[in-house]
Amino acid sequence: MKPRVFFLLFLLVAAMIETGESEENEEGSNESGKSTEAKNTDASVDNEDSDIDGDSD
């Protein structure tokens, strides 16, 4: 039964390490997501400007 306990502890530690790494990756992807959102916002502003000029009408 003891090998099972060590194996389960190993899995628990491995899962905790994986969770910690994925949280760091999510923070990095959130930052890049914010810059992507800013780019999308800029593009939508450009589209609104062309609508005001009447180019798309």
N, C-alpha and C. Protein backbone atom coordinates (compact mmCIF):
# COMPACT_ATOMS: atom_id res chain seq x y z
N MET A 1 0.82 -1.20 0.00
CA MET A 1 0.00 0.00 0.00
C MET A 1 0.86 1.26 0.00
N LYS A 2 2.06 1.18 0.56
CA LYS A 2 2.91 2.36 0.60
C LYS A 2 3.34 2.83 -0.79
N PRO A 3 3.66 1.94 -1.72
CA PRO A 3 4.00 2.44 -3.06
C PRO A 3 2.85 3.23 -3.68
N ARG A 4 1.61 2.84 -3.40
CA ARG A 4 0.47 3.60 -3.91
C ARG A 4 0.45 5.01 -3.33
N VAL A 5 0.76 5.13 -2.04
CA VAL A 5 0.76 6.44 -1.39
C VAL A 5 1.82 7.33 -2.03
N PHE A 6 3.03 6.79 -2.24
CA PHE A 6 4.09 7.57 -2.85
C PHE A 6 3.70 7.96 -4.28
N PHE A 7 3.10 7.04 -4.99
CA PHE A 7 2.68 7.33 -6.36
C PHE A 7 1.63 8.45 -6.39
N LEU A 8 0.67 8.38 -5.48
CA LEU A 8 -0.37 9.42 -5.42
C LEU A 8 0.23 10.77 -5.02
N LEU A 9 1.18 10.76 -4.09
CA LEU A 9 1.85 12.00 -3.72
C LEU A 9 2.61 12.57 -4.91
N PHE A 10 3.27 11.71 -5.66
CA PHE A 10 3.99 12.14 -6.85
C PHE A 10 3.04 12.78 -7.86
N LEU A 11 1.90 12.15 -8.08
CA LEU A 11 0.91 12.71 -9.00
C LEU A 11 0.39 14.05 -8.51
N LEU A 12 0.17 14.16 -7.21
CA LEU A 12 -0.31 15.42 -6.64
C LEU A 12 0.70 16.54 -6.84
N VAL A 13 1.96 16.26 -6.57
CA VAL A 13 3.01 17.26 -6.75
C VAL A 13 3.13 17.63 -8.24
N ALA A 14 3.09 16.65 -9.11
CA ALA A 14 3.18 16.91 -10.54
C ALA A 14 2.01 17.78 -11.01
N ALA A 15 0.82 17.50 -10.49
CA ALA A 15 -0.35 18.29 -10.87
C ALA A 15 -0.22 19.72 -10.36
N MET A 16 0.33 19.89 -9.16
CA MET A 16 0.51 21.24 -8.61
C MET A 16 1.52 22.02 -9.44
N ILE A 17 2.59 21.35 -9.88
CA ILE A 17 3.60 22.01 -10.71
C ILE A 17 2.99 22.40 -12.05
N GLU A 18 2.23 21.51 -12.66
CA GLU A 18 1.59 21.80 -13.94
C GLU A 18 0.61 22.97 -13.80
N THR A 19 -0.13 23.02 -12.71
CA THR A 19 -1.08 24.10 -12.49
C THR A 19 -0.35 25.43 -12.36
N GLY A 20 0.76 25.44 -11.65
CA GLY A 20 1.56 26.66 -11.49
C GLY A 20 2.09 27.15 -12.82
N GLU A 21 2.55 26.25 -13.66
CA GLU A 21 3.08 26.63 -14.96
C GLU A 21 1.97 27.14 -15.87
N SER A 22 0.80 26.53 -15.81
CA SER A 22 -0.29 26.97 -16.68
C SER A 22 -0.80 28.33 -16.26
N GLU A 23 -0.76 28.65 -14.96
CA GLU A 23 -1.18 29.97 -14.52
C GLU A 23 -0.23 31.03 -15.05
N GLU A 24 1.07 30.74 -15.05
CA GLU A 24 2.04 31.69 -15.59
C GLU A 24 1.81 31.87 -17.09
N ASN A 25 1.52 30.80 -17.79
CA ASN A 25 1.27 30.88 -19.21
C ASN A 25 0.00 31.66 -19.50
N GLU A 26 -1.02 31.49 -18.66
CA GLU A 26 -2.27 32.23 -18.86
C GLU A 26 -2.05 33.72 -18.70
N GLU A 27 -1.22 34.11 -17.73
CA GLU A 27 -0.94 35.52 -17.54
C GLU A 27 -0.26 36.09 -18.77
N GLY A 28 0.68 35.35 -19.34
CA GLY A 28 1.35 35.81 -20.54
C GLY A 28 0.39 35.89 -21.71
N SER A 29 -0.50 34.92 -21.83
CA SER A 29 -1.45 34.96 -22.93
C SER A 29 -2.48 36.05 -22.73
N ASN A 30 -2.80 36.37 -21.47
CA ASN A 30 -3.72 37.48 -21.23
C ASN A 30 -3.11 38.79 -21.69
N GLU A 31 -1.81 38.96 -21.44
CA GLU A 31 -1.16 40.19 -21.87
C GLU A 31 -1.17 40.28 -23.39
N SER A 32 -0.86 39.19 -24.06
CA SER A 32 -0.88 39.22 -25.51
C SER A 32 -2.31 39.36 -26.01
N GLY A 33 -3.26 38.81 -25.27
CA GLY A 33 -4.66 38.97 -25.63
C GLY A 33 -5.09 40.42 -25.53
N LYS A 34 -4.59 41.11 -24.53
CA LYS A 34 -4.93 42.53 -24.38
C LYS A 34 -4.40 43.32 -25.56
N SER A 35 -3.18 43.02 -26.00
CA SER A 35 -2.63 43.75 -27.13
C SER A 35 -3.41 43.41 -28.40
N THR A 36 -3.87 42.17 -28.50
CA THR A 36 -4.69 41.80 -29.66
C THR A 36 -6.01 42.55 -29.62
N GLU A 37 -6.60 42.66 -28.42
CA GLU A 37 -7.85 43.39 -28.31
C GLU A 37 -7.65 44.85 -28.69
N ALA A 38 -6.52 45.43 -28.30
CA ALA A 38 -6.25 46.82 -28.64
C ALA A 38 -6.14 46.95 -30.16
N LYS A 39 -5.50 46.00 -30.80
CA LYS A 39 -5.39 46.04 -32.26
C LYS A 39 -6.77 45.93 -32.90
N ASN A 40 -7.62 45.05 -32.36
CA ASN A 40 -8.97 44.92 -32.90
C ASN A 40 -9.75 46.21 -32.70
N THR A 41 -9.55 46.87 -31.58
CA THR A 41 -10.24 48.13 -31.32
C THR A 41 -9.79 49.17 -32.33
N ASP A 42 -8.50 49.23 -32.60
CA ASP A 42 -8.00 50.19 -33.58
C ASP A 42 -8.60 49.92 -34.95
N ALA A 43 -8.70 48.66 -35.30
CA ALA A 43 -9.26 48.30 -36.60
C ALA A 43 -10.73 48.70 -36.67
N SER A 44 -11.46 48.51 -35.57
CA SER A 44 -12.87 48.86 -35.59
C SER A 44 -13.04 50.37 -35.67
N VAL A 45 -12.13 51.12 -35.09
CA VAL A 45 -12.19 52.58 -35.19
C VAL A 45 -11.97 52.99 -36.64
N ASP A 46 -11.02 52.33 -37.31
CA ASP A 46 -10.78 52.64 -38.71
C ASP A 46 -12.02 52.34 -39.55
N ASN A 47 -12.71 51.25 -39.25
CA ASN A 47 -13.92 50.92 -39.98
C ASN A 47 -15.00 51.97 -39.75
N GLU A 48 -15.10 52.46 -38.52
CA GLU A 48 -16.09 53.49 -38.23
C GLU A 48 -15.76 54.77 -38.98
N ASP A 49 -14.47 55.09 -39.10
CA ASP A 49 -14.08 56.29 -39.82
C ASP A 49 -14.48 56.19 -41.29
N SER A 50 -14.29 55.01 -41.88
CA SER A 50 -14.65 54.86 -43.28
C SER A 50 -16.17 54.96 -43.45
N ASP A 51 -16.94 54.51 -42.45
CA ASP A 51 -18.39 54.65 -42.52
C ASP A 51 -18.80 56.11 -42.48
N ILE A 52 -18.12 56.89 -41.65
CA ILE A 52 -18.44 58.32 -41.54
C ILE A 52 -18.13 59.03 -42.85
N ASP A 53 -17.04 58.64 -43.50
CA ASP A 53 -16.67 59.28 -44.77
C ASP A 53 -17.64 58.92 -45.88
N GLY A 54 -18.40 57.85 -45.69
CA GLY A 54 -19.35 57.44 -46.70
C GLY A 54 -18.75 56.50 -47.72
N ASP A 55 -17.54 55.99 -47.47
CA ASP A 55 -16.89 55.08 -48.41
C ASP A 55 -17.66 53.78 -48.52
N SER A 56 -18.21 53.30 -47.41
CA SER A 56 -18.87 52.01 -47.42
C SER A 56 -20.33 52.12 -47.84
N ASP A 57 -20.87 53.31 -47.93
CA ASP A 57 -22.28 53.47 -48.31
C ASP A 57 -22.51 53.28 -49.76
